[in-house]
Structures are given as structure tokens and as C-alpha cells.
């Protein structure tokens, strides 16, 4: 289950981040960010498993693709901010 939402400001950094994750074989989805998590009008989210967050964070940091925010989707459907 993809329960981590890595929020990005627009489609271009989201596509770059997705390509980087694909290169290392890390499973994820690229989607429009849920409205409640969007920091701007056209925010996107990479969703991934919580166990993969460390690898994804290290890679995207090296690739200079910082998140606007990182959220964890809880079992009750709410979101908890866990990153910048």
C-alpha cells in the first residue's frame, strides 16, 4: 500500500522525481496531489510505501528534487505531515 505522499510543486519536478525512482526500481505512483495536501494550484504527489521513504528521500535529495511536504496517510484516512 502506498501511504507516503511526497508533494511537489508542479508536474516537471514530479516527472523528474518519478524518472529517478524508476531508475532504481522503486515502486511508486505519480498523481495529482489530493486537494487537502496541495500547497499550490497544480501540486503533484509521488506516492510510495513507508518502508521505501529512506531510499526515496536520499535519492531525491541527491537529485536536488526537494518536497514541498511529505505526508503519511493514516489508517483512518487522515494525513499526518512528517516532512518539511
Protein backbone atom coordinates (compact mmCIF):
# COMPACT_ATOMS: atom_id res chain seq x y z
CA UNK A 1 0.00 0.00 0.00
CA UNK A 2 1.31 3.41 -0.96
CA UNK A 3 0.82 5.53 2.14
CA UNK A 4 3.54 8.19 1.84
CA UNK A 5 2.78 11.29 -0.23
CA UNK A 6 5.82 13.25 -1.45
CA UNK A 7 4.29 16.58 -2.54
CA UNK A 8 5.89 18.53 -5.39
CA UNK A 9 5.01 22.00 -6.65
CA UNK A 10 4.41 21.16 -10.32
CA UNK A 11 4.48 18.44 -12.94
CA UNK A 12 8.08 18.99 -14.12
CA UNK A 13 9.80 18.17 -10.80
CA UNK A 14 7.27 15.39 -10.26
CA UNK A 15 8.22 13.81 -13.59
CA UNK A 16 11.94 14.19 -12.81
CA UNK A 17 11.43 12.56 -9.42
CA UNK A 18 9.41 9.72 -10.93
CA UNK A 19 12.12 9.08 -13.54
CA UNK A 20 14.79 8.98 -10.81
CA UNK A 21 12.77 6.49 -8.76
CA UNK A 22 12.19 4.37 -11.87
CA UNK A 23 15.95 4.22 -12.48
CA UNK A 24 16.49 2.47 -9.14
CA UNK A 25 13.38 0.32 -9.48
CA UNK A 26 11.49 1.86 -6.57
CA UNK A 27 7.75 1.30 -6.96
CA UNK A 28 5.62 4.44 -6.74
CA UNK A 29 2.75 6.29 -8.38
CA UNK A 30 2.69 9.81 -9.81
CA UNK A 31 -0.63 11.59 -9.35
CA UNK A 32 -2.23 14.95 -8.74
CA UNK A 33 -1.92 15.78 -5.06
CA UNK A 34 -5.12 15.49 -3.04
CA UNK A 35 -6.59 18.98 -2.67
CA UNK A 36 -6.18 18.88 1.09
CA UNK A 37 -2.40 18.38 0.65
CA UNK A 38 -1.75 20.69 -2.30
CA UNK A 39 0.35 23.70 -1.38
CA UNK A 40 -0.39 25.35 -4.72
CA UNK A 41 -2.88 25.12 -7.53
CA UNK A 42 -1.24 22.32 -9.52
CA UNK A 43 0.69 20.26 -6.98
CA UNK A 44 1.59 16.64 -7.70
CA UNK A 45 2.38 13.73 -5.42
CA UNK A 46 4.60 10.73 -5.62
CA UNK A 47 3.06 8.01 -3.51
CA UNK A 48 5.21 5.23 -2.16
CA UNK A 49 5.44 2.72 0.64
CA UNK A 50 6.60 3.94 4.01
CA UNK A 51 9.41 1.38 4.05
CA UNK A 52 10.83 2.97 0.86
CA UNK A 53 10.84 6.54 2.18
CA UNK A 54 14.50 6.47 3.25
CA UNK A 55 15.76 5.33 -0.16
CA UNK A 56 13.50 7.75 -1.99
CA UNK A 57 14.47 10.66 0.23
CA UNK A 58 18.20 10.01 -0.18
CA UNK A 59 17.91 9.71 -3.95
CA UNK A 60 15.71 12.76 -4.44
CA UNK A 61 17.98 14.78 -2.19
CA UNK A 62 20.97 13.85 -4.38
CA UNK A 63 18.91 14.73 -7.46
CA UNK A 64 18.02 18.14 -5.91
CA UNK A 65 14.27 17.49 -6.00
CA UNK A 66 13.06 18.66 -2.59
CA UNK A 67 9.46 18.11 -1.49
CA UNK A 68 7.04 20.86 -0.60
CA UNK A 69 5.85 18.50 2.13
CA UNK A 70 5.75 14.80 2.98
CA UNK A 71 2.63 13.22 4.44
CA UNK A 72 1.79 9.83 5.84
CA UNK A 73 -1.73 8.57 5.19
CA UNK A 74 -3.04 7.03 8.38
CA UNK A 75 -5.34 4.01 8.58
CA UNK A 76 -8.35 6.27 9.31
CA UNK A 77 -7.80 8.14 6.00
CA UNK A 78 -6.35 11.30 7.52
CA UNK A 79 -2.90 12.67 6.74
CA UNK A 80 -0.05 13.44 9.13
CA UNK A 81 2.75 15.73 7.97
CA UNK A 82 6.10 14.01 8.51
CA UNK A 83 8.43 16.18 6.44
CA UNK A 84 9.22 19.74 5.54
